Protein backbone atom coordinates (compact mmCIF):
# COMPACT_ATOMS: atom_id res chain seq x y z
CA MET A 1 -1.65 -7.18 22.80
CA LYS A 2 1.18 -6.67 20.33
CA LYS A 3 2.38 -3.81 18.17
CA LEU A 4 2.17 -4.12 14.40
CA LYS A 5 4.43 -1.82 12.39
CA VAL A 6 3.37 -1.19 8.79
CA THR A 7 5.77 0.63 6.45
CA ILE A 8 4.68 2.02 3.09
CA ALA A 9 7.08 3.48 0.54
CA HIS A 10 6.54 4.99 -2.91
CA LEU A 11 2.86 5.79 -2.43
CA GLU A 12 2.64 7.91 -5.57
CA GLU A 13 1.23 7.95 -9.08
CA HIS A 14 3.04 9.21 -12.16
CA ARG A 15 0.87 10.98 -14.75
CA ASP A 16 2.31 12.95 -17.65
CA GLY A 17 5.72 12.99 -15.95
CA ILE A 18 4.32 14.53 -12.76
CA VAL A 19 4.23 12.75 -9.39
CA HIS A 20 0.80 12.83 -7.73
CA GLY A 21 -0.57 11.52 -4.48
CA THR A 22 -2.90 8.53 -4.52
CA LYS A 23 -5.00 6.32 -2.25
CA ILE A 24 -4.44 2.73 -1.13
CA THR A 25 -6.40 0.29 0.99
CA PHE A 26 -4.46 -2.52 2.63
CA GLN A 27 -4.95 -5.41 5.02
CA VAL A 28 -2.56 -7.28 7.27
CA ILE A 29 -3.63 -10.90 7.70
CA GLN A 30 -2.57 -13.67 10.07
CA ASN A 31 -4.10 -17.17 10.01
CA GLU A 32 -6.95 -15.94 7.77
CA LYS A 33 -7.80 -13.24 10.36
CA VAL A 34 -7.57 -9.57 9.42
CA LEU A 35 -5.40 -7.82 12.00
CA VAL A 36 -5.59 -4.39 10.36
CA ARG A 37 -7.57 -2.90 7.49
CA ASP A 38 -6.76 0.70 6.69
CA SER A 39 -6.69 3.27 3.88
CA LEU A 40 -4.11 5.94 3.32
CA SER A 41 -4.03 8.76 0.82
CA GLY A 42 -1.33 11.18 -0.11
CA LYS A 43 2.18 11.05 -1.48
CA ALA A 44 5.04 9.27 0.29
CA SER A 45 8.20 8.79 -1.74
CA GLN A 46 10.12 8.12 1.48
CA PRO A 47 9.04 5.28 3.82
CA PHE A 48 6.09 6.12 6.06
CA THR A 49 5.48 3.99 9.15
CA LYS A 50 2.31 3.56 11.16
CA THR A 51 1.94 1.41 14.30
CA TYR A 52 -1.21 -0.43 15.36
CA ASP A 53 -2.17 -2.31 18.54
CA VAL A 54 -3.33 -5.81 17.56
CA THR A 55 -4.22 -9.13 19.10
CA ALA A 56 -1.88 -11.53 17.29
CA SER A 57 0.23 -14.64 17.71
CA ASP A 58 3.78 -15.22 16.50
CA ALA A 59 2.53 -16.86 13.27
CA ASP A 60 3.44 -15.42 9.87
CA ILE A 61 1.65 -12.31 8.64
CA PHE A 62 1.14 -11.02 5.13
CA VAL A 63 -0.11 -7.84 3.47
CA THR A 64 -2.61 -7.41 0.65
CA HIS A 65 -3.55 -4.15 -1.08
CA ASP A 66 -5.73 -2.83 -3.89
CA ARG A 67 -3.13 -0.95 -5.97
CA HIS A 68 -1.31 -3.57 -7.99
CA ASP A 69 -0.93 -1.01 -10.79
CA LEU A 70 1.69 0.79 -8.66
CA LYS A 71 4.61 -1.57 -9.35
CA TRP A 72 7.05 0.54 -7.29
CA LEU A 73 4.84 0.53 -4.15
CA THR A 74 6.14 -1.46 -1.19
CA ILE A 75 4.24 -2.36 1.97
CA THR A 76 5.81 -4.35 4.77
CA ALA A 77 4.45 -5.37 8.15
CA GLU A 78 6.11 -6.77 11.22
CA LEU A 79 5.15 -7.54 14.80
CA ILE A 80 7.33 -5.69 17.28
CA GLU A 81 7.67 -5.95 21.04
């Protein structure tokens, strides 16, 4: 079992000059296997980190999400010891 740290920053929508919270669904994938699928809602202009217990190898991981309209959104994932 390994720890997977996911960090999300700039989870926010801008409408009429006002910053609003929003919702995102993301997946962390390794070797075509979904390690984590989760949804978050709210507003996070500063980085927000969540840790998951996963069964994973040392192979590369990547993140996909459903909010490509939020160009400023960043999501990173890393396996930690």
